[in-house]
N, C-alpha and C. Protein backbone atom coordinates (compact mmCIF):
# COMPACT_ATOMS: atom_id res chain seq x y z
N MET A 1 -1.09 -41.38 -13.03
CA MET A 1 -1.04 -40.54 -11.86
C MET A 1 -2.42 -39.97 -11.55
N ALA A 2 -3.11 -39.42 -12.55
CA ALA A 2 -4.42 -38.81 -12.34
C ALA A 2 -5.43 -39.83 -11.83
N GLU A 3 -5.23 -41.11 -12.15
CA GLU A 3 -6.16 -42.14 -11.70
C GLU A 3 -6.18 -42.26 -10.18
N SER A 4 -5.10 -41.89 -9.52
CA SER A 4 -5.04 -42.00 -8.06
C SER A 4 -5.70 -40.81 -7.36
N ILE A 5 -6.08 -39.80 -8.13
CA ILE A 5 -6.73 -38.62 -7.56
C ILE A 5 -8.25 -38.83 -7.65
N ARG A 6 -8.85 -39.13 -6.50
CA ARG A 6 -10.30 -39.34 -6.46
C ARG A 6 -11.02 -38.21 -5.75
N SER A 7 -10.25 -37.37 -5.07
CA SER A 7 -10.82 -36.29 -4.28
C SER A 7 -9.76 -35.19 -4.17
N TYR A 8 -10.21 -34.00 -3.88
CA TYR A 8 -9.25 -32.90 -3.66
C TYR A 8 -8.29 -33.25 -2.53
N ARG A 9 -8.71 -34.11 -1.61
CA ARG A 9 -7.84 -34.49 -0.49
C ARG A 9 -6.65 -35.33 -0.94
N ASP A 10 -6.73 -35.90 -2.13
CA ASP A 10 -5.62 -36.68 -2.67
C ASP A 10 -4.54 -35.79 -3.29
N LEU A 11 -4.85 -34.52 -3.51
CA LEU A 11 -3.90 -33.61 -4.13
C LEU A 11 -2.80 -33.22 -3.14
N ILE A 12 -1.56 -33.37 -3.54
CA ILE A 12 -0.44 -32.97 -2.69
C ILE A 12 -0.52 -31.48 -2.37
N ALA A 13 -0.96 -30.68 -3.34
CA ALA A 13 -1.09 -29.24 -3.11
C ALA A 13 -2.07 -28.97 -1.98
N TRP A 14 -3.21 -29.68 -1.97
CA TRP A 14 -4.19 -29.47 -0.91
C TRP A 14 -3.64 -29.95 0.43
N GLN A 15 -2.95 -31.10 0.44
CA GLN A 15 -2.39 -31.64 1.69
C GLN A 15 -1.40 -30.67 2.30
N LYS A 16 -0.53 -30.09 1.47
CA LYS A 16 0.43 -29.10 1.98
C LYS A 16 -0.29 -27.86 2.48
N ALA A 17 -1.27 -27.40 1.73
CA ALA A 17 -2.02 -26.21 2.13
C ALA A 17 -2.78 -26.43 3.43
N TYR A 18 -3.35 -27.61 3.59
CA TYR A 18 -4.08 -27.93 4.82
C TYR A 18 -3.15 -27.94 6.03
N ALA A 19 -1.97 -28.54 5.84
CA ALA A 19 -0.97 -28.58 6.93
C ALA A 19 -0.52 -27.16 7.29
N ILE A 20 -0.31 -26.33 6.30
CA ILE A 20 0.06 -24.93 6.55
C ILE A 20 -1.06 -24.23 7.30
N GLY A 21 -2.27 -24.45 6.87
CA GLY A 21 -3.42 -23.82 7.52
C GLY A 21 -3.51 -24.15 8.99
N LYS A 22 -3.30 -25.42 9.31
CA LYS A 22 -3.36 -25.83 10.72
C LYS A 22 -2.24 -25.19 11.52
N SER A 23 -1.03 -25.22 10.99
CA SER A 23 0.09 -24.67 11.76
C SER A 23 -0.02 -23.15 11.90
N LEU A 24 -0.50 -22.47 10.86
CA LEU A 24 -0.63 -21.01 10.95
C LEU A 24 -1.79 -20.60 11.85
N TYR A 25 -2.82 -21.41 11.90
CA TYR A 25 -3.93 -21.11 12.80
C TYR A 25 -3.42 -21.08 14.25
N VAL A 26 -2.57 -22.06 14.57
CA VAL A 26 -1.99 -22.13 15.91
C VAL A 26 -1.00 -20.98 16.12
N LEU A 27 -0.13 -20.74 15.14
CA LEU A 27 0.86 -19.67 15.27
C LEU A 27 0.17 -18.31 15.47
N ALA A 28 -0.91 -18.07 14.76
CA ALA A 28 -1.63 -16.80 14.90
C ALA A 28 -2.14 -16.60 16.32
N GLY A 29 -2.44 -17.70 16.99
CA GLY A 29 -2.91 -17.62 18.37
C GLY A 29 -1.85 -17.13 19.34
N LYS A 30 -0.60 -17.13 18.91
CA LYS A 30 0.50 -16.64 19.76
C LYS A 30 0.67 -15.13 19.67
N LEU A 31 0.00 -14.50 18.71
CA LEU A 31 0.10 -13.06 18.57
C LEU A 31 -0.64 -12.37 19.71
N PRO A 32 -0.28 -11.13 20.00
CA PRO A 32 -0.94 -10.43 21.11
C PRO A 32 -2.44 -10.26 20.88
N ASP A 33 -3.16 -10.25 21.96
CA ASP A 33 -4.62 -10.17 21.91
C ASP A 33 -5.12 -8.91 21.20
N ASN A 34 -4.34 -7.84 21.25
CA ASN A 34 -4.77 -6.61 20.57
C ASN A 34 -4.77 -6.76 19.05
N GLU A 35 -4.22 -7.85 18.52
CA GLU A 35 -4.22 -8.12 17.08
C GLU A 35 -5.37 -9.06 16.68
N ARG A 36 -6.29 -9.31 17.61
CA ARG A 36 -7.39 -10.24 17.35
C ARG A 36 -8.15 -9.90 16.07
N PHE A 37 -8.39 -8.62 15.83
CA PHE A 37 -9.14 -8.20 14.66
C PHE A 37 -8.24 -7.71 13.53
N GLY A 38 -6.95 -7.81 13.72
CA GLY A 38 -5.98 -7.40 12.72
C GLY A 38 -5.26 -8.60 12.14
N LEU A 39 -4.00 -8.74 12.52
CA LEU A 39 -3.18 -9.80 11.95
C LEU A 39 -3.68 -11.21 12.27
N ILE A 40 -4.18 -11.43 13.46
CA ILE A 40 -4.67 -12.78 13.81
C ILE A 40 -5.79 -13.17 12.85
N ALA A 41 -6.76 -12.30 12.69
CA ALA A 41 -7.89 -12.60 11.80
C ALA A 41 -7.43 -12.75 10.36
N ALA A 42 -6.52 -11.87 9.91
CA ALA A 42 -6.04 -11.93 8.53
C ALA A 42 -5.28 -13.23 8.26
N ILE A 43 -4.38 -13.60 9.17
CA ILE A 43 -3.59 -14.82 8.99
C ILE A 43 -4.50 -16.04 9.00
N ARG A 44 -5.40 -16.10 9.94
CA ARG A 44 -6.31 -17.26 10.02
C ARG A 44 -7.20 -17.35 8.80
N ARG A 45 -7.72 -16.24 8.34
CA ARG A 45 -8.58 -16.24 7.15
C ARG A 45 -7.81 -16.72 5.93
N SER A 46 -6.61 -16.21 5.74
CA SER A 46 -5.78 -16.61 4.60
C SER A 46 -5.34 -18.06 4.71
N ALA A 47 -5.01 -18.49 5.93
CA ALA A 47 -4.55 -19.87 6.13
C ALA A 47 -5.65 -20.87 5.80
N VAL A 48 -6.86 -20.58 6.22
CA VAL A 48 -7.99 -21.47 5.91
C VAL A 48 -8.34 -21.35 4.43
N GLY A 49 -8.24 -20.15 3.89
CA GLY A 49 -8.57 -19.92 2.49
C GLY A 49 -7.67 -20.65 1.52
N LEU A 50 -6.43 -20.86 1.90
CA LEU A 50 -5.46 -21.52 1.03
C LEU A 50 -5.94 -22.91 0.62
N ALA A 51 -6.21 -23.77 1.57
CA ALA A 51 -6.68 -25.12 1.26
C ALA A 51 -8.10 -25.08 0.68
N SER A 52 -8.91 -24.16 1.18
CA SER A 52 -10.30 -24.05 0.71
C SER A 52 -10.36 -23.70 -0.77
N ASP A 53 -9.49 -22.80 -1.22
CA ASP A 53 -9.49 -22.42 -2.64
C ASP A 53 -9.10 -23.59 -3.53
N ILE A 54 -8.15 -24.39 -3.10
CA ILE A 54 -7.76 -25.57 -3.88
C ILE A 54 -8.94 -26.54 -3.98
N ALA A 55 -9.59 -26.79 -2.86
CA ALA A 55 -10.75 -27.69 -2.85
C ALA A 55 -11.89 -27.12 -3.71
N HIS A 56 -12.14 -25.83 -3.58
CA HIS A 56 -13.20 -25.18 -4.34
C HIS A 56 -12.95 -25.32 -5.83
N GLY A 57 -11.74 -25.02 -6.26
CA GLY A 57 -11.40 -25.13 -7.67
C GLY A 57 -11.55 -26.55 -8.20
N TYR A 58 -11.09 -27.51 -7.42
CA TYR A 58 -11.20 -28.91 -7.82
C TYR A 58 -12.66 -29.30 -8.03
N GLY A 59 -13.52 -28.80 -7.16
CA GLY A 59 -14.93 -29.16 -7.22
C GLY A 59 -15.72 -28.45 -8.29
N ARG A 60 -15.15 -27.43 -8.92
CA ARG A 60 -15.89 -26.68 -9.93
C ARG A 60 -16.16 -27.49 -11.19
N GLY A 61 -15.31 -28.46 -11.47
CA GLY A 61 -15.58 -29.36 -12.59
C GLY A 61 -15.13 -28.90 -13.95
N ASN A 62 -14.46 -27.76 -14.04
CA ASN A 62 -13.87 -27.42 -15.33
C ASN A 62 -12.48 -26.82 -15.11
N THR A 63 -11.64 -27.04 -16.09
CA THR A 63 -10.23 -26.69 -15.97
C THR A 63 -10.00 -25.20 -15.77
N GLN A 64 -10.73 -24.37 -16.50
CA GLN A 64 -10.52 -22.92 -16.38
C GLN A 64 -10.81 -22.43 -14.96
N ASP A 65 -11.91 -22.88 -14.37
CA ASP A 65 -12.22 -22.50 -12.99
C ASP A 65 -11.20 -23.07 -12.02
N TYR A 66 -10.79 -24.30 -12.26
CA TYR A 66 -9.80 -24.96 -11.41
C TYR A 66 -8.51 -24.13 -11.37
N ILE A 67 -8.03 -23.76 -12.55
CA ILE A 67 -6.81 -22.96 -12.62
C ILE A 67 -7.00 -21.61 -11.92
N TYR A 68 -8.16 -20.99 -12.10
CA TYR A 68 -8.43 -19.72 -11.44
C TYR A 68 -8.28 -19.85 -9.93
N PHE A 69 -8.89 -20.89 -9.34
CA PHE A 69 -8.82 -21.06 -7.88
C PHE A 69 -7.44 -21.48 -7.41
N LEU A 70 -6.70 -22.22 -8.24
CA LEU A 70 -5.32 -22.55 -7.88
C LEU A 70 -4.47 -21.28 -7.85
N LYS A 71 -4.71 -20.38 -8.80
CA LYS A 71 -3.97 -19.11 -8.81
C LYS A 71 -4.40 -18.24 -7.63
N LYS A 72 -5.66 -18.32 -7.27
CA LYS A 72 -6.15 -17.60 -6.09
C LYS A 72 -5.44 -18.13 -4.84
N ALA A 73 -5.26 -19.45 -4.75
CA ALA A 73 -4.54 -20.05 -3.63
C ALA A 73 -3.09 -19.57 -3.61
N ARG A 74 -2.50 -19.46 -4.78
CA ARG A 74 -1.13 -18.94 -4.84
C ARG A 74 -1.08 -17.51 -4.31
N GLY A 75 -2.10 -16.73 -4.61
CA GLY A 75 -2.20 -15.38 -4.05
C GLY A 75 -2.32 -15.41 -2.54
N ASP A 76 -3.04 -16.40 -2.01
CA ASP A 76 -3.13 -16.56 -0.55
C ASP A 76 -1.75 -16.78 0.06
N ILE A 77 -0.92 -17.55 -0.63
CA ILE A 77 0.45 -17.80 -0.14
C ILE A 77 1.21 -16.49 -0.04
N TYR A 78 1.13 -15.67 -1.08
CA TYR A 78 1.85 -14.40 -1.08
C TYR A 78 1.29 -13.46 0.00
N GLY A 79 -0.03 -13.49 0.17
CA GLY A 79 -0.63 -12.69 1.23
C GLY A 79 -0.18 -13.14 2.61
N LEU A 80 -0.13 -14.46 2.82
CA LEU A 80 0.33 -14.99 4.10
C LEU A 80 1.76 -14.59 4.38
N ASP A 81 2.60 -14.66 3.37
CA ASP A 81 4.00 -14.26 3.56
C ASP A 81 4.07 -12.81 4.00
N THR A 82 3.28 -11.95 3.39
CA THR A 82 3.25 -10.53 3.75
C THR A 82 2.77 -10.34 5.19
N GLN A 83 1.70 -11.04 5.56
CA GLN A 83 1.18 -10.93 6.92
C GLN A 83 2.19 -11.42 7.94
N LEU A 84 2.89 -12.49 7.62
CA LEU A 84 3.90 -13.02 8.53
C LEU A 84 5.11 -12.10 8.64
N LEU A 85 5.45 -11.41 7.56
CA LEU A 85 6.52 -10.41 7.63
C LEU A 85 6.16 -9.30 8.60
N PHE A 86 4.91 -8.85 8.54
CA PHE A 86 4.46 -7.85 9.51
C PHE A 86 4.60 -8.40 10.94
N ALA A 87 4.14 -9.63 11.14
CA ALA A 87 4.20 -10.22 12.48
C ALA A 87 5.64 -10.34 12.96
N LYS A 88 6.55 -10.71 12.06
CA LYS A 88 7.96 -10.82 12.43
C LYS A 88 8.55 -9.44 12.72
N ASP A 89 8.26 -8.48 11.86
CA ASP A 89 8.82 -7.14 12.03
C ASP A 89 8.30 -6.44 13.28
N PHE A 90 7.09 -6.78 13.73
CA PHE A 90 6.55 -6.24 14.98
C PHE A 90 6.94 -7.09 16.19
N ASN A 91 7.82 -8.09 15.94
CA ASN A 91 8.30 -8.99 16.99
C ASN A 91 7.19 -9.80 17.65
N TYR A 92 6.16 -10.12 16.87
CA TYR A 92 5.08 -10.97 17.37
C TYR A 92 5.43 -12.45 17.21
N ILE A 93 6.26 -12.75 16.20
CA ILE A 93 6.76 -14.11 16.00
C ILE A 93 8.28 -14.03 15.86
N THR A 94 8.93 -15.15 16.10
CA THR A 94 10.38 -15.18 16.02
C THR A 94 10.84 -15.31 14.57
N GLU A 95 12.08 -14.99 14.36
CA GLU A 95 12.70 -15.19 13.05
C GLU A 95 12.61 -16.67 12.65
N GLY A 96 12.82 -17.55 13.63
CA GLY A 96 12.73 -19.00 13.36
C GLY A 96 11.33 -19.43 12.93
N ASP A 97 10.30 -18.89 13.61
CA ASP A 97 8.92 -19.19 13.21
C ASP A 97 8.66 -18.72 11.78
N TYR A 98 9.14 -17.51 11.49
CA TYR A 98 8.95 -16.98 10.14
C TYR A 98 9.67 -17.85 9.11
N ASP A 99 10.94 -18.15 9.35
CA ASP A 99 11.72 -18.92 8.39
C ASP A 99 11.11 -20.29 8.14
N SER A 100 10.68 -20.95 9.21
CA SER A 100 10.06 -22.27 9.08
C SER A 100 8.79 -22.21 8.25
N THR A 101 7.96 -21.23 8.53
CA THR A 101 6.70 -21.08 7.81
C THR A 101 6.95 -20.66 6.36
N LYS A 102 7.91 -19.77 6.16
CA LYS A 102 8.26 -19.33 4.80
C LYS A 102 8.70 -20.52 3.96
N SER A 103 9.44 -21.42 4.55
CA SER A 103 9.88 -22.61 3.85
C SER A 103 8.68 -23.47 3.41
N GLN A 104 7.71 -23.62 4.30
CA GLN A 104 6.49 -24.36 3.97
C GLN A 104 5.71 -23.66 2.84
N LEU A 105 5.62 -22.34 2.94
CA LEU A 105 4.91 -21.58 1.92
C LEU A 105 5.60 -21.70 0.56
N ASP A 106 6.93 -21.65 0.55
CA ASP A 106 7.68 -21.77 -0.70
C ASP A 106 7.45 -23.13 -1.34
N GLU A 107 7.45 -24.18 -0.52
CA GLU A 107 7.22 -25.53 -1.05
C GLU A 107 5.80 -25.65 -1.59
N ALA A 108 4.83 -25.12 -0.89
CA ALA A 108 3.44 -25.17 -1.36
C ALA A 108 3.30 -24.40 -2.67
N GLU A 109 3.99 -23.28 -2.79
CA GLU A 109 3.92 -22.49 -4.02
C GLU A 109 4.52 -23.25 -5.19
N ARG A 110 5.62 -23.97 -4.96
CA ARG A 110 6.23 -24.77 -6.02
C ARG A 110 5.28 -25.87 -6.49
N VAL A 111 4.63 -26.53 -5.53
CA VAL A 111 3.69 -27.60 -5.90
C VAL A 111 2.50 -27.02 -6.67
N LEU A 112 1.98 -25.90 -6.20
CA LEU A 112 0.86 -25.25 -6.89
C LEU A 112 1.26 -24.83 -8.30
N ALA A 113 2.44 -24.25 -8.45
CA ALA A 113 2.91 -23.81 -9.77
C ALA A 113 3.00 -25.00 -10.72
N GLY A 114 3.49 -26.13 -10.23
CA GLY A 114 3.56 -27.32 -11.06
C GLY A 114 2.17 -27.82 -11.47
N LEU A 115 1.25 -27.80 -10.53
CA LEU A 115 -0.12 -28.23 -10.83
C LEU A 115 -0.76 -27.29 -11.85
N ILE A 116 -0.57 -26.00 -11.68
CA ILE A 116 -1.12 -25.02 -12.62
C ILE A 116 -0.54 -25.26 -14.03
N ARG A 117 0.78 -25.46 -14.11
CA ARG A 117 1.43 -25.73 -15.40
C ARG A 117 0.87 -27.00 -16.03
N SER A 118 0.68 -28.03 -15.21
CA SER A 118 0.20 -29.32 -15.75
C SER A 118 -1.20 -29.20 -16.34
N LEU A 119 -1.95 -28.22 -15.86
CA LEU A 119 -3.31 -28.01 -16.36
C LEU A 119 -3.36 -27.02 -17.53
N GLY A 120 -2.21 -26.51 -17.90
CA GLY A 120 -2.14 -25.59 -19.03
C GLY A 120 -2.34 -24.13 -18.65
N GLY A 121 -2.16 -23.83 -17.36
CA GLY A 121 -2.40 -22.46 -16.89
C GLY A 121 -1.23 -21.59 -16.89
């Protein structure tokens, strides 16, 4: 299995995180303009950070750093969930948007947890 991983882009965890990042970047754009420096910025920063942390950790070249950045990415997932709860509770996004995104976040967290376990973290 590891032989097929030649780049961080081959990691399922990164692929899921990248897809989440793209969809959340768009979803954040639906929030009201007065949230430009609040929730919009926070969601976009976390969404981009999720895939970026996985790539960063992969590129560090040692397992301890890799695990650290994978756990940091997992923290990004929890942060995104919190930010999206605020957006839902303020009626900036629909319950359906939240549920759909939460499902993606849960799946990404499961994949990350498995990768962290496989590395001994």
